[in-house]
All heavy atoms as atom14 arrays in JSON, in Angstrom:
{
  "sequence": "VLDMGNSGTAARLLSGILASHGFTSVMTGDASLRGRP",
  "atom14_mask": [
    [1, 1, 1, 1, 1, 1, 1, 0, 0, 0, 0, 0, 0, 0],
    [1, 1, 1, 1, 1, 1, 1, 1, 0, 0, 0, 0, 0, 0],
    [1, 1, 1, 1, 1, 1, 1, 1, 0, 0, 0, 0, 0, 0],
    [1, 1, 1, 1, 1, 1, 1, 1, 0, 0, 0, 0, 0, 0],
    [1, 1, 1, 1, 0, 0, 0, 0, 0, 0, 0, 0, 0, 0],
    [1, 1, 1, 1, 1, 1, 1, 1, 0, 0, 0, 0, 0, 0],
    [1, 1, 1, 1, 1, 1, 0, 0, 0, 0, 0, 0, 0, 0],
    [1, 1, 1, 1, 0, 0, 0, 0, 0, 0, 0, 0, 0, 0],
    [1, 1, 1, 1, 1, 1, 1, 0, 0, 0, 0, 0, 0, 0],
    [1, 1, 1, 1, 1, 0, 0, 0, 0, 0, 0, 0, 0, 0],
    [1, 1, 1, 1, 1, 0, 0, 0, 0, 0, 0, 0, 0, 0],
    [1, 1, 1, 1, 1, 1, 1, 1, 1, 1, 1, 0, 0, 0],
    [1, 1, 1, 1, 1, 1, 1, 1, 0, 0, 0, 0, 0, 0],
    [1, 1, 1, 1, 1, 1, 1, 1, 0, 0, 0, 0, 0, 0],
    [1, 1, 1, 1, 1, 1, 0, 0, 0, 0, 0, 0, 0, 0],
    [1, 1, 1, 1, 0, 0, 0, 0, 0, 0, 0, 0, 0, 0],
    [1, 1, 1, 1, 1, 1, 1, 1, 0, 0, 0, 0, 0, 0],
    [1, 1, 1, 1, 1, 1, 1, 1, 0, 0, 0, 0, 0, 0],
    [1, 1, 1, 1, 1, 0, 0, 0, 0, 0, 0, 0, 0, 0],
    [1, 1, 1, 1, 1, 1, 0, 0, 0, 0, 0, 0, 0, 0],
    [1, 1, 1, 1, 1, 1, 1, 1, 1, 1, 0, 0, 0, 0],
    [1, 1, 1, 1, 0, 0, 0, 0, 0, 0, 0, 0, 0, 0],
    [1, 1, 1, 1, 1, 1, 1, 1, 1, 1, 1, 0, 0, 0],
    [1, 1, 1, 1, 1, 1, 1, 0, 0, 0, 0, 0, 0, 0],
    [1, 1, 1, 1, 1, 1, 0, 0, 0, 0, 0, 0, 0, 0],
    [1, 1, 1, 1, 1, 1, 1, 0, 0, 0, 0, 0, 0, 0],
    [1, 1, 1, 1, 1, 1, 1, 1, 0, 0, 0, 0, 0, 0],
    [1, 1, 1, 1, 1, 1, 1, 0, 0, 0, 0, 0, 0, 0],
    [1, 1, 1, 1, 0, 0, 0, 0, 0, 0, 0, 0, 0, 0],
    [1, 1, 1, 1, 1, 1, 1, 1, 0, 0, 0, 0, 0, 0],
    [1, 1, 1, 1, 1, 0, 0, 0, 0, 0, 0, 0, 0, 0],
    [1, 1, 1, 1, 1, 1, 0, 0, 0, 0, 0, 0, 0, 0],
    [1, 1, 1, 1, 1, 1, 1, 1, 0, 0, 0, 0, 0, 0],
    [1, 1, 1, 1, 1, 1, 1, 1, 1, 1, 1, 0, 0, 0],
    [1, 1, 1, 1, 0, 0, 0, 0, 0, 0, 0, 0, 0, 0],
    [1, 1, 1, 1, 1, 1, 1, 1, 1, 1, 1, 0, 0, 0],
    [1, 1, 1, 1, 1, 1, 1, 0, 0, 0, 0, 0, 0, 0]
  ],
  "atom14_positions": [
    [[-182.06, -115.76, 9.99], [-183.13, -114.82, 10.17], [-183.47, -114.04, 9.03], [-182.52, -113.68, 8.15], [-182.74, -113.85, 11.36], [-183.78, -112.62, 11.48], [-182.59, -114.5, 12.58], [0.0, 0.0, 0.0], [0.0, 0.0, 0.0], [0.0, 0.0, 0.0], [0.0, 0.0, 0.0], [0.0, 0.0, 0.0], [0.0, 0.0, 0.0], [0.0, 0.0, 0.0]],
    [[-184.65, -113.81, 8.72], [-185.09, -113.09, 7.47], [-185.16, -111.54, 7.91], [-186.02, -111.11, 8.7], [-186.46, -113.43, 7.03], [-186.65, -115.02, 6.65], [-188.15, -115.42, 6.31], [-185.78, -115.36, 5.49], [0.0, 0.0, 0.0], [0.0, 0.0, 0.0], [0.0, 0.0, 0.0], [0.0, 0.0, 0.0], [0.0, 0.0, 0.0], [0.0, 0.0, 0.0]],
    [[-184.33, -110.76, 7.24], [-184.22, -109.38, 7.61], [-184.99, -108.6, 6.49], [-184.6, -108.56, 5.38], [-182.83, -108.98, 7.59], [-182.6, -107.47, 8.07], [-183.55, -106.78, 8.13], [-181.44, -107.08, 8.39], [0.0, 0.0, 0.0], [0.0, 0.0, 0.0], [0.0, 0.0, 0.0], [0.0, 0.0, 0.0], [0.0, 0.0, 0.0], [0.0, 0.0, 0.0]],
    [[-186.14, -107.97, 6.95], [-187.02, -107.27, 6.08], [-186.76, -105.86, 5.87], [-187.51, -105.07, 5.22], [-188.49, -107.48, 6.4], [-188.94, -109.04, 6.75], [-188.24, -110.13, 5.42], [-189.19, -109.55, 4.04], [0.0, 0.0, 0.0], [0.0, 0.0, 0.0], [0.0, 0.0, 0.0], [0.0, 0.0, 0.0], [0.0, 0.0, 0.0], [0.0, 0.0, 0.0]],
    [[-185.64, -105.41, 6.56], [-185.27, -104.01, 6.31], [-186.36, -103.08, 6.88], [-186.76, -103.11, 8.07], [0.0, 0.0, 0.0], [0.0, 0.0, 0.0], [0.0, 0.0, 0.0], [0.0, 0.0, 0.0], [0.0, 0.0, 0.0], [0.0, 0.0, 0.0], [0.0, 0.0, 0.0], [0.0, 0.0, 0.0], [0.0, 0.0, 0.0], [0.0, 0.0, 0.0]],
    [[-186.76, -102.06, 6.08], [-187.75, -101.18, 6.38], [-189.17, -101.45, 5.88], [-190.01, -100.65, 6.1], [-187.31, -99.79, 5.72], [-188.15, -98.61, 6.18], [-188.85, -97.96, 5.49], [-187.96, -98.33, 7.58], [0.0, 0.0, 0.0], [0.0, 0.0, 0.0], [0.0, 0.0, 0.0], [0.0, 0.0, 0.0], [0.0, 0.0, 0.0], [0.0, 0.0, 0.0]],
    [[-189.3, -102.68, 5.33], [-190.6, -102.93, 4.55], [-191.69, -103.62, 5.48], [-191.6, -104.78, 5.65], [-190.26, -103.84, 3.4], [-191.53, -104.1, 2.71], [0.0, 0.0, 0.0], [0.0, 0.0, 0.0], [0.0, 0.0, 0.0], [0.0, 0.0, 0.0], [0.0, 0.0, 0.0], [0.0, 0.0, 0.0], [0.0, 0.0, 0.0], [0.0, 0.0, 0.0]],
    [[-192.63, -102.85, 5.88], [-193.81, -103.43, 6.6], [-194.68, -104.24, 5.6], [-195.27, -105.31, 6.05], [0.0, 0.0, 0.0], [0.0, 0.0, 0.0], [0.0, 0.0, 0.0], [0.0, 0.0, 0.0], [0.0, 0.0, 0.0], [0.0, 0.0, 0.0], [0.0, 0.0, 0.0], [0.0, 0.0, 0.0], [0.0, 0.0, 0.0], [0.0, 0.0, 0.0]],
    [[-194.71, -103.86, 4.33], [-195.58, -104.8, 3.41], [-194.92, -106.11, 3.28], [-195.67, -107.1, 3.44], [-195.5, -104.16, 2.07], [-196.18, -102.74, 2.06], [-196.26, -104.91, 1.01], [0.0, 0.0, 0.0], [0.0, 0.0, 0.0], [0.0, 0.0, 0.0], [0.0, 0.0, 0.0], [0.0, 0.0, 0.0], [0.0, 0.0, 0.0], [0.0, 0.0, 0.0]],
    [[-193.69, -106.14, 3.09], [-193.01, -107.53, 2.93], [-193.19, -108.33, 4.24], [-193.5, -109.51, 4.17], [-191.54, -107.31, 2.66], [0.0, 0.0, 0.0], [0.0, 0.0, 0.0], [0.0, 0.0, 0.0], [0.0, 0.0, 0.0], [0.0, 0.0, 0.0], [0.0, 0.0, 0.0], [0.0, 0.0, 0.0], [0.0, 0.0, 0.0], [0.0, 0.0, 0.0]],
    [[-193.06, -107.69, 5.51], [-193.04, -108.4, 6.67], [-194.53, -108.95, 6.91], [-194.69, -110.13, 7.26], [-192.65, -107.46, 7.83], [0.0, 0.0, 0.0], [0.0, 0.0, 0.0], [0.0, 0.0, 0.0], [0.0, 0.0, 0.0], [0.0, 0.0, 0.0], [0.0, 0.0, 0.0], [0.0, 0.0, 0.0], [0.0, 0.0, 0.0], [0.0, 0.0, 0.0]],
    [[-195.42, -108.12, 6.62], [-196.83, -108.59, 6.92], [-197.33, -109.62, 5.88], [-197.98, -110.57, 6.25], [-197.7, -107.34, 7.05], [-197.49, -106.38, 8.24], [-198.14, -105.12, 8.27], [-197.9, -104.41, 9.43], [-197.63, -103.07, 9.52], [-197.68, -102.32, 8.35], [-197.36, -102.43, 10.63], [0.0, 0.0, 0.0], [0.0, 0.0, 0.0], [0.0, 0.0, 0.0]],
    [[-197.08, -109.44, 4.65], [-197.61, -110.34, 3.73], [-196.75, -111.69, 3.94], [-197.43, -112.82, 3.73], [-197.35, -109.86, 2.29], [-198.42, -109.11, 1.63], [-198.82, -107.88, 2.32], [-198.12, -108.79, 0.13], [0.0, 0.0, 0.0], [0.0, 0.0, 0.0], [0.0, 0.0, 0.0], [0.0, 0.0, 0.0], [0.0, 0.0, 0.0], [0.0, 0.0, 0.0]],
    [[-195.56, -111.69, 4.15], [-194.72, -112.85, 4.31], [-195.24, -113.64, 5.59], [-195.17, -114.82, 5.63], [-193.21, -112.57, 4.43], [-192.3, -113.78, 4.34], [-192.55, -114.61, 2.97], [-190.88, -113.27, 4.46], [0.0, 0.0, 0.0], [0.0, 0.0, 0.0], [0.0, 0.0, 0.0], [0.0, 0.0, 0.0], [0.0, 0.0, 0.0], [0.0, 0.0, 0.0]],
    [[-195.73, -112.95, 6.53], [-196.22, -113.62, 7.78], [-197.41, -114.52, 7.36], [-197.48, -115.7, 7.94], [-196.81, -112.5, 8.76], [-195.79, -111.8, 9.16], [0.0, 0.0, 0.0], [0.0, 0.0, 0.0], [0.0, 0.0, 0.0], [0.0, 0.0, 0.0], [0.0, 0.0, 0.0], [0.0, 0.0, 0.0], [0.0, 0.0, 0.0], [0.0, 0.0, 0.0]],
    [[-198.2, -114.19, 6.41], [-199.24, -115.05, 6.05], [-198.79, -116.27, 5.29], [-199.36, -117.44, 5.5], [0.0, 0.0, 0.0], [0.0, 0.0, 0.0], [0.0, 0.0, 0.0], [0.0, 0.0, 0.0], [0.0, 0.0, 0.0], [0.0, 0.0, 0.0], [0.0, 0.0, 0.0], [0.0, 0.0, 0.0], [0.0, 0.0, 0.0], [0.0, 0.0, 0.0]],
    [[-197.85, -116.1, 4.53], [-197.16, -117.31, 3.81], [-196.61, -118.25, 4.95], [-196.73, -119.42, 4.88], [-196.14, -116.83, 2.77], [-196.8, -115.99, 1.76], [-195.33, -118.03, 2.21], [-195.97, -115.43, 0.57], [0.0, 0.0, 0.0], [0.0, 0.0, 0.0], [0.0, 0.0, 0.0], [0.0, 0.0, 0.0], [0.0, 0.0, 0.0], [0.0, 0.0, 0.0]],
    [[-195.74, -117.69, 5.76], [-195.05, -118.53, 6.73], [-195.84, -119.18, 7.79], [-195.57, -120.24, 8.13], [-194.0, -117.6, 7.39], [-192.9, -116.98, 6.48], [-192.04, -116.08, 7.45], [-192.05, -118.04, 5.89], [0.0, 0.0, 0.0], [0.0, 0.0, 0.0], [0.0, 0.0, 0.0], [0.0, 0.0, 0.0], [0.0, 0.0, 0.0], [0.0, 0.0, 0.0]],
    [[-197.03, -118.57, 8.01], [-197.94, -119.05, 8.89], [-198.52, -120.39, 8.55], [-198.89, -121.29, 9.3], [-199.14, -118.22, 9.35], [0.0, 0.0, 0.0], [0.0, 0.0, 0.0], [0.0, 0.0, 0.0], [0.0, 0.0, 0.0], [0.0, 0.0, 0.0], [0.0, 0.0, 0.0], [0.0, 0.0, 0.0], [0.0, 0.0, 0.0], [0.0, 0.0, 0.0]],
    [[-198.64, -120.63, 7.09], [-199.22, -121.8, 6.62], [-198.18, -122.78, 6.07], [-198.5, -123.53, 5.05], [-200.16, -121.42, 5.59], [-199.64, -120.66, 4.55], [0.0, 0.0, 0.0], [0.0, 0.0, 0.0], [0.0, 0.0, 0.0], [0.0, 0.0, 0.0], [0.0, 0.0, 0.0], [0.0, 0.0, 0.0], [0.0, 0.0, 0.0], [0.0, 0.0, 0.0]],
    [[-196.96, -122.74, 6.52], [-195.86, -123.7, 6.14], [-195.27, -124.27, 7.35], [-195.19, -123.63, 8.4], [-194.83, -123.13, 5.17], [-195.25, -122.75, 3.85], [-196.1, -121.8, 3.58], [-194.99, -123.44, 2.73], [-196.31, -121.82, 2.24], [-195.59, -122.86, 1.68], [0.0, 0.0, 0.0], [0.0, 0.0, 0.0], [0.0, 0.0, 0.0], [0.0, 0.0, 0.0]],
    [[-195.15, -125.69, 7.3], [-194.72, -126.34, 8.42], [-193.35, -126.25, 8.99], [-192.58, -127.36, 9.04], [0.0, 0.0, 0.0], [0.0, 0.0, 0.0], [0.0, 0.0, 0.0], [0.0, 0.0, 0.0], [0.0, 0.0, 0.0], [0.0, 0.0, 0.0], [0.0, 0.0, 0.0], [0.0, 0.0, 0.0], [0.0, 0.0, 0.0], [0.0, 0.0, 0.0]],
    [[-192.79, -125.12, 9.19], [-191.45, -124.95, 9.57], [-191.42, -123.68, 10.48], [-192.35, -122.82, 10.48], [-190.42, -124.92, 8.56], [-190.71, -123.96, 7.48], [-190.53, -122.54, 7.56], [-190.98, -124.54, 6.15], [-190.7, -121.67, 6.61], [-191.33, -123.55, 5.06], [-191.18, -122.12, 5.28], [0.0, 0.0, 0.0], [0.0, 0.0, 0.0], [0.0, 0.0, 0.0]],
    [[-190.35, -123.42, 11.1], [-190.16, -122.21, 11.97], [-189.18, -121.25, 11.31], [-188.24, -121.58, 10.57], [-189.38, -122.61, 13.33], [-190.31, -123.51, 13.99], [-189.27, -121.45, 14.22], [0.0, 0.0, 0.0], [0.0, 0.0, 0.0], [0.0, 0.0, 0.0], [0.0, 0.0, 0.0], [0.0, 0.0, 0.0], [0.0, 0.0, 0.0], [0.0, 0.0, 0.0]],
    [[-189.55, -119.95, 11.4], [-188.76, -118.9, 10.75], [-188.82, -117.66, 11.74], [-189.66, -117.55, 12.55], [-189.37, -118.53, 9.41], [-190.7, -118.26, 9.51], [0.0, 0.0, 0.0], [0.0, 0.0, 0.0], [0.0, 0.0, 0.0], [0.0, 0.0, 0.0], [0.0, 0.0, 0.0], [0.0, 0.0, 0.0], [0.0, 0.0, 0.0], [0.0, 0.0, 0.0]],
    [[-187.8, -116.79, 11.59], [-187.75, -115.67, 12.32], [-187.53, -114.41, 11.41], [-186.75, -114.46, 10.56], [-186.59, -115.59, 13.39], [-186.58, -114.4, 14.21], [-186.77, -116.89, 14.19], [0.0, 0.0, 0.0], [0.0, 0.0, 0.0], [0.0, 0.0, 0.0], [0.0, 0.0, 0.0], [0.0, 0.0, 0.0], [0.0, 0.0, 0.0], [0.0, 0.0, 0.0]],
    [[-188.31, -113.35, 11.6], [-188.23, -112.1, 10.84], [-187.69, -111.03, 11.8], [-188.24, -110.93, 12.9], [-189.57, -111.72, 10.3], [-189.95, -112.46, 9.04], [-191.24, -111.72, 8.19], [-192.54, -111.78, 9.33], [0.0, 0.0, 0.0], [0.0, 0.0, 0.0], [0.0, 0.0, 0.0], [0.0, 0.0, 0.0], [0.0, 0.0, 0.0], [0.0, 0.0, 0.0]],
    [[-186.95, -110.25, 11.26], [-186.61, -108.92, 11.85], [-186.65, -107.89, 10.87], [-186.97, -107.93, 9.72], [-185.2, -109.04, 12.57], [-185.01, -107.9, 13.49], [-184.09, -109.1, 11.6], [0.0, 0.0, 0.0], [0.0, 0.0, 0.0], [0.0, 0.0, 0.0], [0.0, 0.0, 0.0], [0.0, 0.0, 0.0], [0.0, 0.0, 0.0], [0.0, 0.0, 0.0]],
    [[-186.18, -106.58, 11.22], [-186.06, -105.52, 10.35], [-185.25, -104.32, 10.98], [-184.57, -104.53, 11.95], [0.0, 0.0, 0.0], [0.0, 0.0, 0.0], [0.0, 0.0, 0.0], [0.0, 0.0, 0.0], [0.0, 0.0, 0.0], [0.0, 0.0, 0.0], [0.0, 0.0, 0.0], [0.0, 0.0, 0.0], [0.0, 0.0, 0.0], [0.0, 0.0, 0.0]],
    [[-185.29, -103.24, 10.26], [-184.45, -102.05, 10.84], [-185.21, -101.41, 11.93], [-186.22, -101.96, 12.49], [-184.16, -101.08, 9.76], [-185.42, -100.33, 9.19], [-186.45, -100.5, 9.86], [-185.32, -99.71, 8.23], [0.0, 0.0, 0.0], [0.0, 0.0, 0.0], [0.0, 0.0, 0.0], [0.0, 0.0, 0.0], [0.0, 0.0, 0.0], [0.0, 0.0, 0.0]],
    [[-184.49, -100.42, 12.6], [-185.2, -99.83, 13.8], [-186.53, -99.46, 13.58], [-187.4, -99.53, 14.5], [-184.31, -98.63, 14.26], [0.0, 0.0, 0.0], [0.0, 0.0, 0.0], [0.0, 0.0, 0.0], [0.0, 0.0, 0.0], [0.0, 0.0, 0.0], [0.0, 0.0, 0.0], [0.0, 0.0, 0.0], [0.0, 0.0, 0.0], [0.0, 0.0, 0.0]],
    [[-186.79, -98.8, 12.39], [-188.23, -98.35, 12.06], [-189.2, -99.62, 12.09], [-190.2, -99.44, 12.7], [-188.23, -97.57, 10.8], [-189.58, -97.29, 10.45], [0.0, 0.0, 0.0], [0.0, 0.0, 0.0], [0.0, 0.0, 0.0], [0.0, 0.0, 0.0], [0.0, 0.0, 0.0], [0.0, 0.0, 0.0], [0.0, 0.0, 0.0], [0.0, 0.0, 0.0]],
    [[-188.8, -100.61, 11.38], [-189.78, -101.67, 11.24], [-189.95, -102.49, 12.71], [-191.06, -102.87, 13.0], [-189.23, -102.57, 10.25], [-190.1, -103.98, 9.84], [-191.63, -103.36, 9.43], [-189.59, -104.8, 8.8], [0.0, 0.0, 0.0], [0.0, 0.0, 0.0], [0.0, 0.0, 0.0], [0.0, 0.0, 0.0], [0.0, 0.0, 0.0], [0.0, 0.0, 0.0]],
    [[-188.86, -102.57, 13.44], [-188.95, -103.24, 14.61], [-189.98, -102.43, 15.63], [-190.37, -102.89, 16.65], [-187.64, -103.37, 15.31], [-186.7, -104.33, 14.56], [-185.58, -104.81, 15.38], [-184.75, -103.7, 15.9], [-183.73, -103.06, 15.37], [-183.33, -103.44, 14.03], [-183.11, -102.17, 15.81], [0.0, 0.0, 0.0], [0.0, 0.0, 0.0], [0.0, 0.0, 0.0]],
    [[-190.17, -101.14, 15.39], [-191.15, -100.41, 16.18], [-192.43, -100.34, 15.75], [-193.43, -99.66, 16.4], [0.0, 0.0, 0.0], [0.0, 0.0, 0.0], [0.0, 0.0, 0.0], [0.0, 0.0, 0.0], [0.0, 0.0, 0.0], [0.0, 0.0, 0.0], [0.0, 0.0, 0.0], [0.0, 0.0, 0.0], [0.0, 0.0, 0.0], [0.0, 0.0, 0.0]],
    [[-192.86, -101.03, 14.6], [-194.21, -100.98, 14.07], [-195.0, -102.38, 14.6], [-194.37, -103.34, 14.69], [-194.12, -100.87, 12.54], [-193.85, -99.68, 12.03], [-193.74, -99.63, 10.52], [-192.43, -99.42, 10.06], [-192.04, -99.7, 8.8], [-192.97, -100.21, 7.92], [-190.8, -99.6, 8.43], [0.0, 0.0, 0.0], [0.0, 0.0, 0.0], [0.0, 0.0, 0.0]],
    [[-196.26, -102.12, 14.75], [-197.06, -103.33, 15.26], [-197.38, -104.3, 14.23], [-197.58, -104.06, 13.07], [-198.36, -102.66, 15.73], [-198.52, -101.42, 14.8], [-197.05, -100.92, 14.46], [0.0, 0.0, 0.0], [0.0, 0.0, 0.0], [0.0, 0.0, 0.0], [0.0, 0.0, 0.0], [0.0, 0.0, 0.0], [0.0, 0.0, 0.0], [0.0, 0.0, 0.0]]
  ]
}
């Protein structure tokens, strides 16, 4: 699992990269990031 900690920027930008690569990945984060849309 890719743990993005508190960083919404990292999680959202990386989503764009991961969406266009042919494999499966999972992202999580700290309690604050897990509460953000």
